[in-house]
């Protein structure tokens, strides 16, 4: 395909954040008197927090409070409850060695994204780490992708591609003129990704490498 730039999502694509994000969400919901099984809260992985909290009919005027309560758990503990997918470092190294410029484009606040990438020694494979601002209201994926493309100096969009596990990755990339490879080891289903218009799907890291390097 002749790609030069590959934009990667973080949660559900490079690392598995399930424990930290669901613990943080459950902590925030308890503040509002809502008891929820952590196993039912995986939809918090990927989208901006405001979008996920809307499912619980939290009033708009208290949405910022919900985000603050989420971060009350996430900042000291939740971001540490995260693990890179097995083999992801080796895959990124091979992609980098093949000449691809890797860019992180995540809806997670950039401060936390950088911490996670550095903790797992993944930052060294990337030319640019882009996340959302702390103001979750401006955390849309399209805005993050646009900034990443701009800061990386990507002028030929046919030479760039997004890799992610949720429809938000596909939609955010498409709004910026990019196709997406959907990965099936994360938190978006085949149906979700295909329904969003993903270019193709990778069921494992070997398939992803084959797609990106052909």
Foldseek 3Di string as FASTA:
>chain_A
DQAAEEEEEPDQTFKPLLVLQLVLLQQLVVVVVDHDDSVVQQVCTAAQNLVSCVVVVDDPVCSVVSLVSSCVRCVPDSLVSMGTDPPSQVLLVVCVVLNHAYEYQYLPAQVSVVVNCVVVVNCVSHPYYFYAHPPSVRSQSLVSVVVRCVVVVPDDQVNYAYEEAALSRQVSQVVVPHAYEHEPSGDHHPCRCVVSPHPYYDDDSVSVSVVVPD
